Amino acid sequence: MPMVGVITNVSISGSARAELARGLGEAVQLIPGKSESQLMIKIEGESAIYFKGRDDLPAAYVWTDVSGHADGAAYKAFGAAVTRLLGKVLAIPGGNVYLTVREIPVWVVNGE
C-alpha cells in the first residue's frame, strides 16, 4: 500500500503526468512486496519551491510512504529510478531531486 507524492516547480502537461504515473508504477515494484495495483500517487506541478535560494531552478521533492519494511538497497534502487524518471520526463537534474521514504507501521485501508 505505497503512496508516492511528487511536488515540483515545473509545469506538468497531461501527457507528462501520465508518463510519470506509469513510471512510478514501474519504479515502486523495485521495493519488495509493492506493486502498482495498490499504489496511490499525488503529482503536483508549478509549486513554489526554492532550491539553493532560488525559485528558477527546476526541482522536485518526492515523498514515499510504505507499509512494512525493506532494506536500504531496495529504497535506493527505487530512488534512482524515480530520479531518472523526473530527469527524462521533466528535465529536472538529479541533484535537484530530493526523495524520502517513510515506513508506516500501521496502515488502514477500507476501515481495516
N, C-alpha and C. Protein backbone atom coordinates (compact mmCIF):
# COMPACT_ATOMS: atom_id res chain seq x y z
N MET A 1 0.81 -1.18 0.00
CA MET A 1 0.00 0.00 0.00
C MET A 1 0.86 1.25 0.00
N PRO A 2 1.67 1.44 -1.02
CA PRO A 2 2.52 2.63 -1.06
C PRO A 2 1.77 3.87 -1.54
N MET A 3 2.27 5.00 -1.10
CA MET A 3 1.80 6.31 -1.54
C MET A 3 3.02 7.10 -1.96
N VAL A 4 3.00 7.64 -3.17
CA VAL A 4 4.11 8.44 -3.67
C VAL A 4 3.57 9.81 -4.03
N GLY A 5 4.21 10.84 -3.53
CA GLY A 5 3.85 12.20 -3.86
C GLY A 5 5.01 12.89 -4.56
N VAL A 6 4.73 13.58 -5.63
CA VAL A 6 5.73 14.34 -6.37
C VAL A 6 5.30 15.80 -6.36
N ILE A 7 6.15 16.65 -5.81
CA ILE A 7 5.89 18.08 -5.79
C ILE A 7 7.05 18.75 -6.52
N THR A 8 6.73 19.56 -7.52
CA THR A 8 7.77 20.20 -8.31
C THR A 8 7.36 21.62 -8.69
N ASN A 9 8.34 22.41 -9.03
CA ASN A 9 8.06 23.76 -9.52
C ASN A 9 7.94 23.81 -11.03
N VAL A 10 8.06 22.67 -11.67
CA VAL A 10 7.97 22.55 -13.12
C VAL A 10 6.50 22.37 -13.53
N SER A 11 6.11 22.94 -14.65
CA SER A 11 4.78 22.74 -15.20
C SER A 11 4.70 21.31 -15.77
N ILE A 12 3.59 20.64 -15.53
CA ILE A 12 3.43 19.25 -15.98
C ILE A 12 2.22 19.14 -16.90
N SER A 13 2.46 18.76 -18.13
CA SER A 13 1.36 18.56 -19.09
C SER A 13 0.62 17.27 -18.74
N GLY A 14 -0.53 17.10 -19.34
CA GLY A 14 -1.30 15.88 -19.12
C GLY A 14 -0.56 14.63 -19.54
N SER A 15 0.14 14.69 -20.68
CA SER A 15 0.87 13.50 -21.13
C SER A 15 2.07 13.22 -20.23
N ALA A 16 2.72 14.28 -19.73
CA ALA A 16 3.84 14.08 -18.80
C ALA A 16 3.34 13.50 -17.48
N ARG A 17 2.18 13.95 -17.03
CA ARG A 17 1.59 13.43 -15.79
C ARG A 17 1.32 11.93 -15.94
N ALA A 18 0.78 11.53 -17.08
CA ALA A 18 0.50 10.11 -17.33
C ALA A 18 1.79 9.31 -17.39
N GLU A 19 2.83 9.87 -18.03
CA GLU A 19 4.12 9.18 -18.11
C GLU A 19 4.75 9.03 -16.73
N LEU A 20 4.62 10.05 -15.91
CA LEU A 20 5.13 9.96 -14.53
C LEU A 20 4.39 8.88 -13.76
N ALA A 21 3.08 8.83 -13.88
CA ALA A 21 2.30 7.81 -13.17
C ALA A 21 2.71 6.41 -13.60
N ARG A 22 2.88 6.21 -14.91
CA ARG A 22 3.32 4.88 -15.39
C ARG A 22 4.70 4.54 -14.85
N GLY A 23 5.61 5.50 -14.91
CA GLY A 23 6.98 5.27 -14.44
C GLY A 23 7.05 5.01 -12.94
N LEU A 24 6.24 5.72 -12.17
CA LEU A 24 6.22 5.48 -10.73
C LEU A 24 5.65 4.10 -10.42
N GLY A 25 4.67 3.68 -11.22
CA GLY A 25 4.12 2.33 -11.06
C GLY A 25 5.15 1.26 -11.31
N GLU A 26 6.03 1.49 -12.26
CA GLU A 26 7.12 0.54 -12.51
C GLU A 26 8.17 0.60 -11.41
N ALA A 27 8.53 1.82 -11.00
CA ALA A 27 9.59 2.00 -10.00
C ALA A 27 9.22 1.40 -8.65
N VAL A 28 7.97 1.51 -8.25
CA VAL A 28 7.57 1.03 -6.93
C VAL A 28 7.78 -0.48 -6.80
N GLN A 29 7.78 -1.17 -7.92
CA GLN A 29 7.98 -2.62 -7.90
C GLN A 29 9.41 -3.00 -7.52
N LEU A 30 10.31 -2.02 -7.47
CA LEU A 30 11.68 -2.28 -7.00
C LEU A 30 11.73 -2.46 -5.49
N ILE A 31 10.65 -2.09 -4.81
CA ILE A 31 10.54 -2.30 -3.37
C ILE A 31 9.81 -3.63 -3.17
N PRO A 32 10.46 -4.61 -2.53
CA PRO A 32 9.85 -5.94 -2.38
C PRO A 32 8.44 -5.87 -1.77
N GLY A 33 7.53 -6.59 -2.40
CA GLY A 33 6.16 -6.68 -1.92
C GLY A 33 5.25 -5.53 -2.35
N LYS A 34 5.78 -4.57 -3.10
CA LYS A 34 4.97 -3.43 -3.52
C LYS A 34 4.65 -3.55 -5.01
N SER A 35 3.46 -3.09 -5.37
CA SER A 35 3.06 -3.18 -6.77
C SER A 35 2.18 -1.98 -7.13
N GLU A 36 2.04 -1.76 -8.43
CA GLU A 36 1.21 -0.68 -8.91
C GLU A 36 -0.25 -0.90 -8.56
N SER A 37 -0.65 -2.13 -8.36
CA SER A 37 -2.06 -2.44 -8.10
C SER A 37 -2.57 -1.83 -6.80
N GLN A 38 -1.68 -1.46 -5.89
CA GLN A 38 -2.09 -0.83 -4.63
C GLN A 38 -1.49 0.56 -4.47
N LEU A 39 -0.88 1.09 -5.50
CA LEU A 39 -0.16 2.36 -5.43
C LEU A 39 -1.11 3.55 -5.58
N MET A 40 -0.95 4.53 -4.71
CA MET A 40 -1.65 5.80 -4.84
C MET A 40 -0.58 6.85 -5.12
N ILE A 41 -0.87 7.78 -6.04
CA ILE A 41 0.10 8.78 -6.47
C ILE A 41 -0.53 10.17 -6.41
N LYS A 42 0.24 11.13 -5.93
CA LYS A 42 -0.14 12.55 -5.96
C LYS A 42 0.94 13.27 -6.76
N ILE A 43 0.56 13.97 -7.82
CA ILE A 43 1.51 14.72 -8.64
C ILE A 43 1.08 16.18 -8.65
N GLU A 44 1.96 17.04 -8.21
CA GLU A 44 1.65 18.46 -8.12
C GLU A 44 2.75 19.27 -8.80
N GLY A 45 2.40 19.99 -9.83
CA GLY A 45 3.35 20.85 -10.55
C GLY A 45 3.14 22.31 -10.22
N GLU A 46 4.09 23.11 -10.67
CA GLU A 46 4.05 24.56 -10.51
C GLU A 46 3.91 25.01 -9.05
N SER A 47 4.56 24.27 -8.14
CA SER A 47 4.57 24.65 -6.73
C SER A 47 5.70 25.64 -6.49
N ALA A 48 5.54 26.46 -5.48
CA ALA A 48 6.59 27.41 -5.11
C ALA A 48 7.69 26.66 -4.36
N ILE A 49 8.74 26.31 -5.07
CA ILE A 49 9.87 25.61 -4.47
C ILE A 49 11.12 26.46 -4.68
N TYR A 50 11.78 26.76 -3.59
CA TYR A 50 13.07 27.46 -3.65
C TYR A 50 14.15 26.43 -3.44
N PHE A 51 15.11 26.39 -4.34
CA PHE A 51 16.23 25.46 -4.24
C PHE A 51 17.51 26.25 -4.38
N LYS A 52 18.41 26.08 -3.43
CA LYS A 52 19.67 26.85 -3.39
C LYS A 52 19.38 28.35 -3.34
N GLY A 53 18.29 28.71 -2.66
CA GLY A 53 17.93 30.11 -2.51
C GLY A 53 17.31 30.74 -3.73
N ARG A 54 16.99 29.93 -4.72
CA ARG A 54 16.44 30.45 -5.98
C ARG A 54 15.11 29.77 -6.29
N ASP A 55 14.27 30.49 -7.01
CA ASP A 55 12.99 29.90 -7.42
C ASP A 55 12.94 29.59 -8.91
N ASP A 56 14.07 29.74 -9.60
CA ASP A 56 14.09 29.50 -11.05
C ASP A 56 14.82 28.22 -11.45
N LEU A 57 15.20 27.39 -10.47
CA LEU A 57 15.86 26.12 -10.77
C LEU A 57 14.83 25.00 -10.73
N PRO A 58 14.74 24.17 -11.78
CA PRO A 58 13.80 23.05 -11.73
C PRO A 58 14.19 22.11 -10.59
N ALA A 59 13.23 21.80 -9.74
CA ALA A 59 13.50 20.96 -8.57
C ALA A 59 12.25 20.16 -8.23
N ALA A 60 12.44 19.09 -7.48
CA ALA A 60 11.31 18.27 -7.06
C ALA A 60 11.59 17.63 -5.71
N TYR A 61 10.53 17.47 -4.95
CA TYR A 61 10.56 16.70 -3.70
C TYR A 61 9.61 15.53 -3.89
N VAL A 62 10.10 14.33 -3.62
CA VAL A 62 9.29 13.12 -3.74
C VAL A 62 9.22 12.47 -2.37
N TRP A 63 8.01 12.29 -1.86
CA TRP A 63 7.85 11.59 -0.60
C TRP A 63 7.15 10.27 -0.86
N THR A 64 7.58 9.28 -0.12
CA THR A 64 7.08 7.93 -0.33
C THR A 64 6.74 7.32 1.02
N ASP A 65 5.52 6.89 1.19
CA ASP A 65 5.11 6.17 2.39
C ASP A 65 4.84 4.72 2.00
N VAL A 66 5.39 3.80 2.78
CA VAL A 66 5.17 2.37 2.51
C VAL A 66 4.81 1.67 3.81
N SER A 67 3.99 0.66 3.71
CA SER A 67 3.74 -0.19 4.87
C SER A 67 4.82 -1.26 4.89
N GLY A 68 5.19 -1.65 6.09
CA GLY A 68 6.20 -2.68 6.22
C GLY A 68 7.62 -2.15 6.15
N HIS A 69 8.54 -3.03 5.83
CA HIS A 69 9.96 -2.70 5.85
C HIS A 69 10.66 -3.36 4.66
N ALA A 70 11.62 -2.65 4.10
CA ALA A 70 12.50 -3.21 3.06
C ALA A 70 13.92 -2.74 3.38
N ASP A 71 14.89 -3.36 2.75
CA ASP A 71 16.27 -2.94 3.03
C ASP A 71 16.61 -1.67 2.26
N GLY A 72 17.68 -1.02 2.69
CA GLY A 72 18.09 0.25 2.09
C GLY A 72 18.40 0.15 0.61
N ALA A 73 18.91 -0.99 0.17
CA ALA A 73 19.26 -1.15 -1.25
C ALA A 73 18.01 -1.04 -2.13
N ALA A 74 16.90 -1.58 -1.66
CA ALA A 74 15.65 -1.51 -2.44
C ALA A 74 15.18 -0.07 -2.54
N TYR A 75 15.27 0.67 -1.44
CA TYR A 75 14.85 2.06 -1.45
C TYR A 75 15.78 2.91 -2.33
N LYS A 76 17.06 2.60 -2.31
CA LYS A 76 18.00 3.34 -3.16
C LYS A 76 17.74 3.06 -4.63
N ALA A 77 17.43 1.82 -4.98
CA ALA A 77 17.10 1.48 -6.37
C ALA A 77 15.83 2.21 -6.80
N PHE A 78 14.83 2.25 -5.92
CA PHE A 78 13.61 2.98 -6.19
C PHE A 78 13.91 4.47 -6.39
N GLY A 79 14.70 5.04 -5.50
CA GLY A 79 15.05 6.45 -5.59
C GLY A 79 15.80 6.78 -6.87
N ALA A 80 16.70 5.91 -7.27
CA ALA A 80 17.45 6.13 -8.51
C ALA A 80 16.51 6.09 -9.72
N ALA A 81 15.57 5.15 -9.72
CA ALA A 81 14.62 5.04 -10.84
C ALA A 81 13.73 6.28 -10.91
N VAL A 82 13.27 6.75 -9.77
CA VAL A 82 12.41 7.94 -9.75
C VAL A 82 13.18 9.17 -10.20
N THR A 83 14.41 9.30 -9.76
CA THR A 83 15.25 10.44 -10.15
C THR A 83 15.48 10.44 -11.66
N ARG A 84 15.77 9.27 -12.23
CA ARG A 84 15.94 9.17 -13.69
C ARG A 84 14.64 9.55 -14.41
N LEU A 85 13.52 9.08 -13.88
CA LEU A 85 12.21 9.37 -14.48
C LEU A 85 11.95 10.88 -14.51
N LEU A 86 12.20 11.56 -13.41
CA LEU A 86 11.99 13.01 -13.36
C LEU A 86 12.92 13.75 -14.30
N GLY A 87 14.12 13.23 -14.47
CA GLY A 87 15.05 13.82 -15.43
C GLY A 87 14.57 13.65 -16.85
N LYS A 88 14.09 12.46 -17.16
CA LYS A 88 13.63 12.16 -18.52
C LYS A 88 12.35 12.92 -18.87
N VAL A 89 11.38 12.91 -17.97
CA VAL A 89 10.06 13.46 -18.28
C VAL A 89 9.99 14.97 -18.08
N LEU A 90 10.64 15.48 -17.01
CA LEU A 90 10.52 16.89 -16.67
C LEU A 90 11.83 17.68 -16.77
N ALA A 91 12.90 17.02 -17.20
CA ALA A 91 14.22 17.66 -17.33
C ALA A 91 14.71 18.27 -16.02
N ILE A 92 14.43 17.59 -14.91
CA ILE A 92 14.93 18.03 -13.61
C ILE A 92 16.25 17.32 -13.35
N PRO A 93 17.34 18.07 -13.15
CA PRO A 93 18.63 17.42 -12.87
C PRO A 93 18.55 16.57 -11.60
N GLY A 94 19.25 15.45 -11.61
CA GLY A 94 19.21 14.52 -10.48
C GLY A 94 19.57 15.16 -9.15
N GLY A 95 20.52 16.08 -9.16
CA GLY A 95 20.91 16.76 -7.93
C GLY A 95 19.86 17.71 -7.39
N ASN A 96 18.83 17.94 -8.17
CA ASN A 96 17.74 18.84 -7.75
C ASN A 96 16.50 18.06 -7.32
N VAL A 97 16.66 16.76 -7.13
CA VAL A 97 15.56 15.90 -6.70
C VAL A 97 15.88 15.38 -5.30
N TYR A 98 15.01 15.68 -4.36
CA TYR A 98 15.12 15.12 -3.01
C TYR A 98 14.00 14.10 -2.86
N LEU A 99 14.34 12.94 -2.28
CA LEU A 99 13.38 11.87 -2.13
C LEU A 99 13.49 11.29 -0.72
N THR A 100 12.36 11.11 -0.08
CA THR A 100 12.33 10.46 1.23
C THR A 100 11.43 9.24 1.16
N VAL A 101 11.73 8.28 2.04
CA VAL A 101 10.90 7.09 2.20
C VAL A 101 10.60 6.96 3.69
N ARG A 102 9.34 6.79 3.99
CA ARG A 102 8.92 6.62 5.38
C ARG A 102 8.16 5.30 5.48
N GLU A 103 8.58 4.48 6.42
CA GLU A 103 7.90 3.22 6.68
C GLU A 103 6.80 3.46 7.71
N ILE A 104 5.58 3.11 7.37
CA ILE A 104 4.42 3.35 8.21
C ILE A 104 4.07 2.03 8.93
N PRO A 105 4.10 2.02 10.26
CA PRO A 105 3.84 0.77 10.98
C PRO A 105 2.37 0.33 10.93
N VAL A 106 1.45 1.27 10.85
CA VAL A 106 0.03 0.92 10.80
C VAL A 106 -0.57 1.63 9.59
N TRP A 107 -1.20 0.86 8.73
CA TRP A 107 -1.79 1.40 7.51
C TRP A 107 -3.23 0.88 7.43
N VAL A 108 -4.18 1.78 7.32
CA VAL A 108 -5.59 1.38 7.30
C VAL A 108 -6.16 1.63 5.90
N VAL A 109 -6.78 0.62 5.34
CA VAL A 109 -7.45 0.73 4.04
C VAL A 109 -8.83 0.08 4.21
N ASN A 110 -9.84 0.76 3.71
CA ASN A 110 -11.21 0.26 3.78
C ASN A 110 -11.63 0.02 5.23
N GLY A 111 -11.14 0.85 6.13
CA GLY A 111 -11.51 0.76 7.53
C GLY A 111 -10.89 -0.38 8.29
N GLU A 112 -9.94 -1.06 7.67
CA GLU A 112 -9.31 -2.22 8.34
C GLU A 112 -7.84 -1.99 8.55
